[in-house]
């Protein structure tokens, strides 16, 4: 998987950036493509304190709705770390293409990527319904 340019600007908290970097390092030997994807997103992100994070930004633990540009249906999910992923509960790992695409996006932003088979996927973030930082539930 590789993201297509131009990619939208993204925002991460320092805690999310640190954890995503650690996740990428852990994944390096087993899933190098996931590691590359996460490292690239952290490297291009603007890092802010939780208090300075815009409320419409996707962070870890956020509940969001988004849509694929080729479909009219919206999807709802919670963005989580791999150990918490549970498709039956709409908990999607940040170590998946959709999860990595969503992290740091703001409402209305879109991002596109190519899959391993060469297909192009594009999603648009519609709404951040819950953000842990906005609810006062975040690590410094």
N, C-alpha and C. Protein backbone atom coordinates (compact mmCIF):
# COMPACT_ATOMS: atom_id res chain seq x y z
N UNK A 1 0.84 -1.17 0.00
CA UNK A 1 0.00 0.00 0.00
C UNK A 1 0.88 1.23 0.00
N UNK A 2 0.49 2.22 -0.78
CA UNK A 2 1.18 3.50 -0.72
C UNK A 2 0.17 4.61 -0.93
N UNK A 3 0.34 5.67 -0.16
CA UNK A 3 -0.56 6.81 -0.28
C UNK A 3 -0.23 7.57 -1.55
N UNK A 4 -1.24 8.17 -2.15
CA UNK A 4 -1.06 8.96 -3.35
C UNK A 4 -0.98 10.43 -3.00
N UNK A 5 -0.15 11.15 -3.70
CA UNK A 5 -0.04 12.59 -3.50
C UNK A 5 -1.04 13.31 -4.39
N UNK A 6 -1.51 14.46 -4.01
CA UNK A 6 -1.17 15.14 -2.76
C UNK A 6 -1.94 14.56 -1.59
N UNK A 7 -1.24 14.43 -0.47
CA UNK A 7 -1.88 13.96 0.76
C UNK A 7 -2.25 15.17 1.61
N UNK A 8 -3.37 15.11 2.29
CA UNK A 8 -3.76 16.25 3.13
C UNK A 8 -2.85 16.37 4.35
N UNK A 9 -2.75 17.58 4.87
CA UNK A 9 -2.01 17.78 6.11
C UNK A 9 -2.71 17.02 7.22
N UNK A 10 -1.93 16.44 8.12
CA UNK A 10 -2.53 15.73 9.25
C UNK A 10 -1.95 16.24 10.56
N UNK A 11 -2.68 15.98 11.64
CA UNK A 11 -2.30 16.45 12.97
C UNK A 11 -2.33 15.25 13.92
N UNK A 12 -1.30 15.13 14.75
CA UNK A 12 -1.24 14.09 15.78
C UNK A 12 -0.86 14.72 17.11
N UNK A 13 -1.29 14.09 18.20
CA UNK A 13 -0.76 14.48 19.50
C UNK A 13 0.61 13.83 19.65
N UNK A 14 1.41 14.36 20.54
CA UNK A 14 2.72 13.76 20.79
C UNK A 14 2.60 12.32 21.26
N UNK A 15 1.60 12.05 22.11
CA UNK A 15 1.41 10.69 22.62
C UNK A 15 1.07 9.73 21.49
N UNK A 16 0.16 10.13 20.60
CA UNK A 16 -0.18 9.27 19.47
C UNK A 16 1.03 9.05 18.56
N UNK A 17 1.78 10.11 18.29
CA UNK A 17 2.96 9.99 17.43
C UNK A 17 3.97 9.02 18.03
N UNK A 18 4.21 9.13 19.34
CA UNK A 18 5.16 8.23 20.00
C UNK A 18 4.69 6.78 19.93
N UNK A 19 3.42 6.55 20.20
CA UNK A 19 2.89 5.18 20.19
C UNK A 19 2.88 4.60 18.78
N UNK A 20 2.55 5.43 17.80
CA UNK A 20 2.54 4.94 16.42
C UNK A 20 3.96 4.62 15.95
N UNK A 21 4.93 5.43 16.36
CA UNK A 21 6.33 5.14 16.02
C UNK A 21 6.78 3.82 16.66
N UNK A 22 6.39 3.60 17.91
CA UNK A 22 6.73 2.34 18.58
C UNK A 22 6.05 1.16 17.91
N UNK A 23 4.81 1.34 17.50
CA UNK A 23 4.08 0.29 16.78
C UNK A 23 4.78 -0.03 15.46
N UNK A 24 5.21 1.00 14.75
CA UNK A 24 5.92 0.79 13.48
C UNK A 24 7.21 0.00 13.70
N UNK A 25 7.93 0.36 14.75
CA UNK A 25 9.18 -0.34 15.05
C UNK A 25 8.92 -1.82 15.36
N UNK A 26 7.89 -2.09 16.13
CA UNK A 26 7.52 -3.47 16.47
C UNK A 26 7.10 -4.25 15.24
N UNK A 27 6.40 -3.59 14.33
CA UNK A 27 5.88 -4.26 13.13
C UNK A 27 6.93 -4.44 12.03
N UNK A 28 8.07 -3.78 12.15
CA UNK A 28 9.07 -3.74 11.08
C UNK A 28 9.43 -5.13 10.55
N UNK A 29 9.69 -6.11 11.40
CA UNK A 29 10.14 -7.42 10.91
C UNK A 29 9.01 -8.26 10.34
N UNK A 30 7.80 -8.14 10.88
CA UNK A 30 6.68 -8.96 10.44
C UNK A 30 5.85 -8.31 9.33
N UNK A 31 5.69 -7.00 9.41
CA UNK A 31 4.85 -6.28 8.45
C UNK A 31 5.55 -5.00 8.01
N UNK A 32 6.58 -5.11 7.19
CA UNK A 32 7.33 -3.92 6.80
C UNK A 32 6.48 -2.87 6.09
N UNK A 33 5.47 -3.29 5.33
CA UNK A 33 4.61 -2.32 4.65
C UNK A 33 3.80 -1.50 5.64
N UNK A 34 3.33 -2.14 6.71
CA UNK A 34 2.60 -1.43 7.77
C UNK A 34 3.54 -0.46 8.48
N UNK A 35 4.74 -0.92 8.78
CA UNK A 35 5.72 -0.06 9.44
C UNK A 35 6.03 1.17 8.59
N UNK A 36 6.25 0.98 7.30
CA UNK A 36 6.53 2.10 6.41
C UNK A 36 5.37 3.09 6.38
N UNK A 37 4.15 2.57 6.30
CA UNK A 37 2.95 3.39 6.23
C UNK A 37 2.82 4.25 7.49
N UNK A 38 2.98 3.64 8.66
CA UNK A 38 2.84 4.38 9.91
C UNK A 38 3.97 5.40 10.08
N UNK A 39 5.19 5.00 9.76
CA UNK A 39 6.31 5.93 9.87
C UNK A 39 6.13 7.14 8.97
N UNK A 40 5.63 6.91 7.76
CA UNK A 40 5.41 8.02 6.83
C UNK A 40 4.36 8.99 7.37
N UNK A 41 3.30 8.46 7.97
CA UNK A 41 2.26 9.33 8.50
C UNK A 41 2.77 10.14 9.70
N UNK A 42 3.53 9.51 10.58
CA UNK A 42 4.08 10.23 11.73
C UNK A 42 5.05 11.30 11.25
N UNK A 43 5.89 10.97 10.27
CA UNK A 43 6.90 11.91 9.79
C UNK A 43 6.30 13.17 9.17
N UNK A 44 5.15 13.06 8.56
CA UNK A 44 4.57 14.24 7.89
C UNK A 44 3.56 14.99 8.75
N UNK A 45 3.27 14.48 9.93
CA UNK A 45 2.24 15.07 10.78
C UNK A 45 2.74 16.31 11.52
N UNK A 46 1.83 17.25 11.73
CA UNK A 46 2.08 18.35 12.67
C UNK A 46 1.77 17.79 14.05
N UNK A 47 2.69 17.95 14.99
CA UNK A 47 2.51 17.41 16.34
C UNK A 47 2.06 18.55 17.26
N UNK A 48 0.94 18.32 17.96
CA UNK A 48 0.39 19.35 18.84
C UNK A 48 0.07 18.75 20.22
N UNK A 49 -0.05 19.62 21.20
CA UNK A 49 -0.50 19.21 22.53
C UNK A 49 -1.98 18.88 22.46
N UNK A 50 -2.47 17.98 23.30
CA UNK A 50 -3.90 17.64 23.29
C UNK A 50 -4.81 18.86 23.40
N UNK A 51 -4.42 19.85 24.19
CA UNK A 51 -5.25 21.05 24.36
C UNK A 51 -5.35 21.87 23.07
N UNK A 52 -4.38 21.71 22.18
CA UNK A 52 -4.36 22.47 20.92
C UNK A 52 -4.92 21.70 19.74
N UNK A 53 -5.40 20.51 19.98
CA UNK A 53 -5.89 19.65 18.91
C UNK A 53 -7.28 20.10 18.46
N UNK A 54 -7.47 20.36 17.17
CA UNK A 54 -8.81 20.71 16.70
C UNK A 54 -9.79 19.56 16.98
N UNK A 55 -11.01 19.86 17.38
CA UNK A 55 -11.96 18.81 17.77
C UNK A 55 -12.45 17.93 16.62
N UNK A 56 -12.17 18.32 15.39
CA UNK A 56 -12.62 17.52 14.24
C UNK A 56 -11.50 16.65 13.67
N UNK A 57 -10.48 16.36 14.49
CA UNK A 57 -9.32 15.58 14.07
C UNK A 57 -9.41 14.15 14.60
N UNK A 58 -9.08 13.18 13.75
CA UNK A 58 -9.09 11.77 14.15
C UNK A 58 -7.84 11.46 14.96
N UNK A 59 -8.05 10.95 16.17
CA UNK A 59 -6.97 10.48 17.02
C UNK A 59 -7.26 9.03 17.39
N UNK A 60 -6.33 8.41 18.08
CA UNK A 60 -6.56 7.05 18.54
C UNK A 60 -7.73 7.04 19.51
N UNK A 61 -8.65 6.11 19.30
CA UNK A 61 -9.85 6.03 20.13
C UNK A 61 -11.02 6.85 19.62
N UNK A 62 -10.81 7.59 18.53
CA UNK A 62 -11.90 8.40 17.97
C UNK A 62 -12.97 7.52 17.34
N UNK A 63 -14.21 7.98 17.42
CA UNK A 63 -15.34 7.34 16.74
C UNK A 63 -15.65 8.22 15.53
N UNK A 64 -15.62 7.65 14.34
CA UNK A 64 -15.74 8.46 13.12
C UNK A 64 -16.69 7.85 12.11
N UNK A 65 -17.18 8.69 11.21
CA UNK A 65 -17.88 8.21 10.03
C UNK A 65 -17.10 8.70 8.81
N UNK A 66 -17.01 7.83 7.82
CA UNK A 66 -16.28 8.14 6.60
C UNK A 66 -16.95 7.42 5.45
N UNK A 67 -16.57 7.79 4.24
CA UNK A 67 -17.10 7.11 3.07
C UNK A 67 -16.02 6.88 2.05
N UNK A 68 -16.18 5.78 1.31
CA UNK A 68 -15.33 5.54 0.14
C UNK A 68 -15.91 6.37 -0.99
N UNK A 69 -15.06 7.00 -1.77
CA UNK A 69 -15.55 7.88 -2.82
C UNK A 69 -16.34 7.15 -3.90
N UNK A 70 -16.16 5.85 -4.04
CA UNK A 70 -16.89 5.11 -5.07
C UNK A 70 -18.24 4.60 -4.57
N UNK A 71 -18.58 4.87 -3.31
CA UNK A 71 -19.83 4.36 -2.74
C UNK A 71 -20.56 5.49 -2.02
N UNK A 72 -21.86 5.37 -1.92
CA UNK A 72 -22.65 6.40 -1.24
C UNK A 72 -22.83 6.12 0.23
N UNK A 73 -22.58 4.91 0.65
CA UNK A 73 -22.79 4.50 2.03
C UNK A 73 -21.69 5.03 2.95
N UNK A 74 -22.08 5.48 4.13
CA UNK A 74 -21.10 5.88 5.15
C UNK A 74 -20.78 4.70 6.05
N UNK A 75 -19.59 4.71 6.59
CA UNK A 75 -19.13 3.68 7.51
C UNK A 75 -18.79 4.33 8.84
N UNK A 76 -19.06 3.62 9.92
CA UNK A 76 -18.75 4.10 11.26
C UNK A 76 -17.73 3.17 11.87
N UNK A 77 -16.73 3.72 12.57
CA UNK A 77 -15.74 2.88 13.24
C UNK A 77 -15.09 3.63 14.39
N UNK A 78 -14.41 2.86 15.22
CA UNK A 78 -13.54 3.39 16.26
C UNK A 78 -12.13 3.00 15.88
N UNK A 79 -11.21 3.97 15.88
CA UNK A 79 -9.81 3.71 15.52
C UNK A 79 -9.04 3.26 16.75
N UNK A 80 -8.43 2.07 16.67
CA UNK A 80 -7.77 1.47 17.83
C UNK A 80 -6.39 0.92 17.45
N UNK A 81 -5.64 0.52 18.48
CA UNK A 81 -4.38 -0.18 18.27
C UNK A 81 -4.67 -1.64 17.91
N UNK A 82 -3.73 -2.33 17.28
CA UNK A 82 -4.00 -3.69 16.79
C UNK A 82 -4.56 -4.66 17.84
N UNK A 83 -4.08 -4.62 19.06
CA UNK A 83 -4.55 -5.56 20.08
C UNK A 83 -6.02 -5.36 20.44
N UNK A 84 -6.56 -4.17 20.16
CA UNK A 84 -7.95 -3.86 20.50
C UNK A 84 -8.90 -4.06 19.32
N UNK A 85 -8.38 -4.36 18.15
CA UNK A 85 -9.21 -4.46 16.94
C UNK A 85 -10.25 -5.56 17.08
N UNK A 86 -11.47 -5.25 16.63
CA UNK A 86 -12.58 -6.20 16.67
C UNK A 86 -13.59 -5.76 15.61
N UNK A 87 -13.56 -6.41 14.46
CA UNK A 87 -14.44 -6.01 13.36
C UNK A 87 -15.91 -6.10 13.72
N UNK A 88 -16.28 -7.06 14.56
CA UNK A 88 -17.68 -7.19 14.97
C UNK A 88 -18.17 -5.98 15.76
N UNK A 89 -17.24 -5.28 16.40
CA UNK A 89 -17.58 -4.09 17.18
C UNK A 89 -17.15 -2.80 16.48
N UNK A 90 -16.83 -2.90 15.20
CA UNK A 90 -16.39 -1.76 14.38
C UNK A 90 -15.17 -1.06 14.97
N UNK A 91 -14.26 -1.84 15.55
CA UNK A 91 -13.00 -1.33 16.05
C UNK A 91 -11.92 -1.71 15.06
N UNK A 92 -11.41 -0.72 14.34
CA UNK A 92 -10.47 -0.94 13.24
C UNK A 92 -9.07 -0.51 13.67
N UNK A 93 -8.10 -1.35 13.38
CA UNK A 93 -6.71 -1.08 13.75
C UNK A 93 -6.11 0.02 12.89
N UNK A 94 -5.29 0.84 13.55
CA UNK A 94 -4.54 1.87 12.84
C UNK A 94 -3.48 1.23 11.93
N UNK A 95 -3.21 -0.06 12.12
CA UNK A 95 -2.22 -0.77 11.30
C UNK A 95 -2.85 -1.40 10.06
N UNK A 96 -4.04 -0.95 9.69
CA UNK A 96 -4.69 -1.35 8.44
C UNK A 96 -4.66 -0.17 7.49
N UNK A 97 -4.85 -0.39 6.20
CA UNK A 97 -4.87 0.75 5.27
C UNK A 97 -5.90 1.82 5.64
N UNK A 98 -7.11 1.43 5.99
CA UNK A 98 -8.13 2.42 6.35
C UNK A 98 -7.75 3.15 7.63
N UNK A 99 -7.27 2.40 8.62
CA UNK A 99 -6.88 3.02 9.88
C UNK A 99 -5.74 4.01 9.71
N UNK A 100 -4.72 3.62 8.97
CA UNK A 100 -3.59 4.52 8.72
C UNK A 100 -4.02 5.73 7.90
N UNK A 101 -4.97 5.53 7.00
CA UNK A 101 -5.46 6.65 6.19
C UNK A 101 -6.22 7.66 7.05
N UNK A 102 -6.97 7.18 8.03
CA UNK A 102 -7.81 8.06 8.84
C UNK A 102 -7.04 8.84 9.91
N UNK A 103 -5.99 8.26 10.48
CA UNK A 103 -5.32 8.92 11.60
C UNK A 103 -4.84 10.32 11.21
N UNK A 104 -5.22 11.29 12.02
CA UNK A 104 -4.78 12.67 11.80
C UNK A 104 -5.61 13.48 10.83
N UNK A 105 -6.55 12.84 10.12
CA UNK A 105 -7.39 13.60 9.19
C UNK A 105 -8.36 14.49 9.94
N UNK A 106 -8.83 15.54 9.27
CA UNK A 106 -9.88 16.41 9.80
C UNK A 106 -11.12 16.25 8.94
N UNK A 107 -12.25 16.55 9.53
CA UNK A 107 -13.52 16.42 8.82
C UNK A 107 -13.45 17.11 7.46
N UNK A 108 -13.93 16.42 6.44
CA UNK A 108 -13.94 16.96 5.08
C UNK A 108 -12.71 16.61 4.27
N UNK A 109 -11.64 16.15 4.91
CA UNK A 109 -10.43 15.79 4.18
C UNK A 109 -10.57 14.40 3.56
N UNK A 110 -9.87 14.22 2.44
CA UNK A 110 -9.84 12.94 1.74
C UNK A 110 -8.40 12.50 1.56
N UNK A 111 -8.21 11.19 1.43
CA UNK A 111 -6.89 10.64 1.16
C UNK A 111 -7.06 9.41 0.28
N UNK A 112 -6.11 9.21 -0.62
CA UNK A 112 -6.17 8.07 -1.55
C UNK A 112 -4.90 7.25 -1.43
N UNK A 113 -5.03 5.97 -1.74
CA UNK A 113 -3.88 5.07 -1.71
C UNK A 113 -4.08 3.97 -2.73
N UNK A 114 -2.96 3.31 -3.08
CA UNK A 114 -3.04 2.15 -3.95
C UNK A 114 -2.92 0.90 -3.09
N UNK A 115 -3.70 -0.10 -3.42
CA UNK A 115 -3.65 -1.37 -2.70
C UNK A 115 -2.54 -2.23 -3.28
N UNK A 116 -2.28 -3.36 -2.66
CA UNK A 116 -1.25 -4.28 -3.14
C UNK A 116 -1.56 -4.76 -4.56
N UNK A 117 -2.85 -4.83 -4.91
CA UNK A 117 -3.24 -5.27 -6.25
C UNK A 117 -3.22 -4.14 -7.27
N UNK A 118 -2.92 -2.92 -6.82
CA UNK A 118 -2.86 -1.79 -7.73
C UNK A 118 -4.13 -0.97 -7.82
N UNK A 119 -5.17 -1.38 -7.13
CA UNK A 119 -6.43 -0.62 -7.14
C UNK A 119 -6.25 0.66 -6.33
N UNK A 120 -6.95 1.70 -6.73
CA UNK A 120 -6.92 2.97 -6.01
C UNK A 120 -8.14 3.05 -5.10
N UNK A 121 -7.91 3.36 -3.84
CA UNK A 121 -8.97 3.56 -2.86
C UNK A 121 -8.88 5.00 -2.37
N UNK A 122 -10.03 5.61 -2.14
CA UNK A 122 -10.07 6.98 -1.64
C UNK A 122 -11.19 7.07 -0.61
N UNK A 123 -10.88 7.67 0.54
CA UNK A 123 -11.90 7.87 1.55
C UNK A 123 -11.97 9.35 1.93
N UNK A 124 -13.13 9.74 2.41
CA UNK A 124 -13.35 11.09 2.91
C UNK A 124 -13.89 10.97 4.33
N UNK A 125 -13.30 11.72 5.25
CA UNK A 125 -13.77 11.74 6.62
C UNK A 125 -14.98 12.66 6.71
N UNK A 126 -16.10 12.13 7.18
CA UNK A 126 -17.31 12.92 7.32
C UNK A 126 -17.44 13.56 8.69
N UNK A 127 -17.24 12.78 9.74
CA UNK A 127 -17.52 13.29 11.09
C UNK A 127 -16.67 12.58 12.14
N UNK A 128 -16.15 13.37 13.08
CA UNK A 128 -15.53 12.82 14.28
C UNK A 128 -16.59 12.97 15.37
N UNK A 129 -17.27 11.88 15.68
CA UNK A 129 -18.36 11.91 16.66
C UNK A 129 -17.85 11.92 18.09
N UNK A 130 -16.69 11.34 18.31
CA UNK A 130 -16.08 11.30 19.64
C UNK A 130 -14.57 11.33 19.46
N UNK A 131 -13.93 12.20 20.23
CA UNK A 131 -12.48 12.30 20.25
C UNK A 131 -12.05 12.27 21.71
N UNK A 132 -11.22 11.32 22.13
CA UNK A 132 -10.82 11.23 23.53
C UNK A 132 -10.28 12.54 24.10
N UNK A 133 -9.48 13.24 23.33
CA UNK A 133 -8.89 14.50 23.82
C UNK A 133 -9.97 15.53 24.11
N UNK A 134 -10.97 15.61 23.27
CA UNK A 134 -12.07 16.56 23.46
C UNK A 134 -12.87 16.20 24.71
N UNK A 135 -12.94 14.90 25.01
CA UNK A 135 -13.68 14.43 26.18
C UNK A 135 -12.83 14.44 27.46
N UNK A 136 -11.58 14.91 27.35
CA UNK A 136 -10.70 14.96 28.51
C UNK A 136 -10.10 13.62 28.88
N UNK A 137 -10.10 12.69 27.93
CA UNK A 137 -9.58 11.33 28.19
C UNK A 137 -8.39 11.06 27.30
N UNK A 138 -7.26 11.56 27.71
CA UNK A 138 -6.06 11.31 26.91
C UNK A 138 -4.85 11.30 27.81
N UNK A 139 -3.80 10.70 27.31
CA UNK A 139 -2.53 10.72 28.02
C UNK A 139 -1.76 11.94 27.55
N UNK A 140 -0.98 12.55 28.44
CA UNK A 140 -0.21 13.75 28.04
C UNK A 140 0.84 13.43 27.01
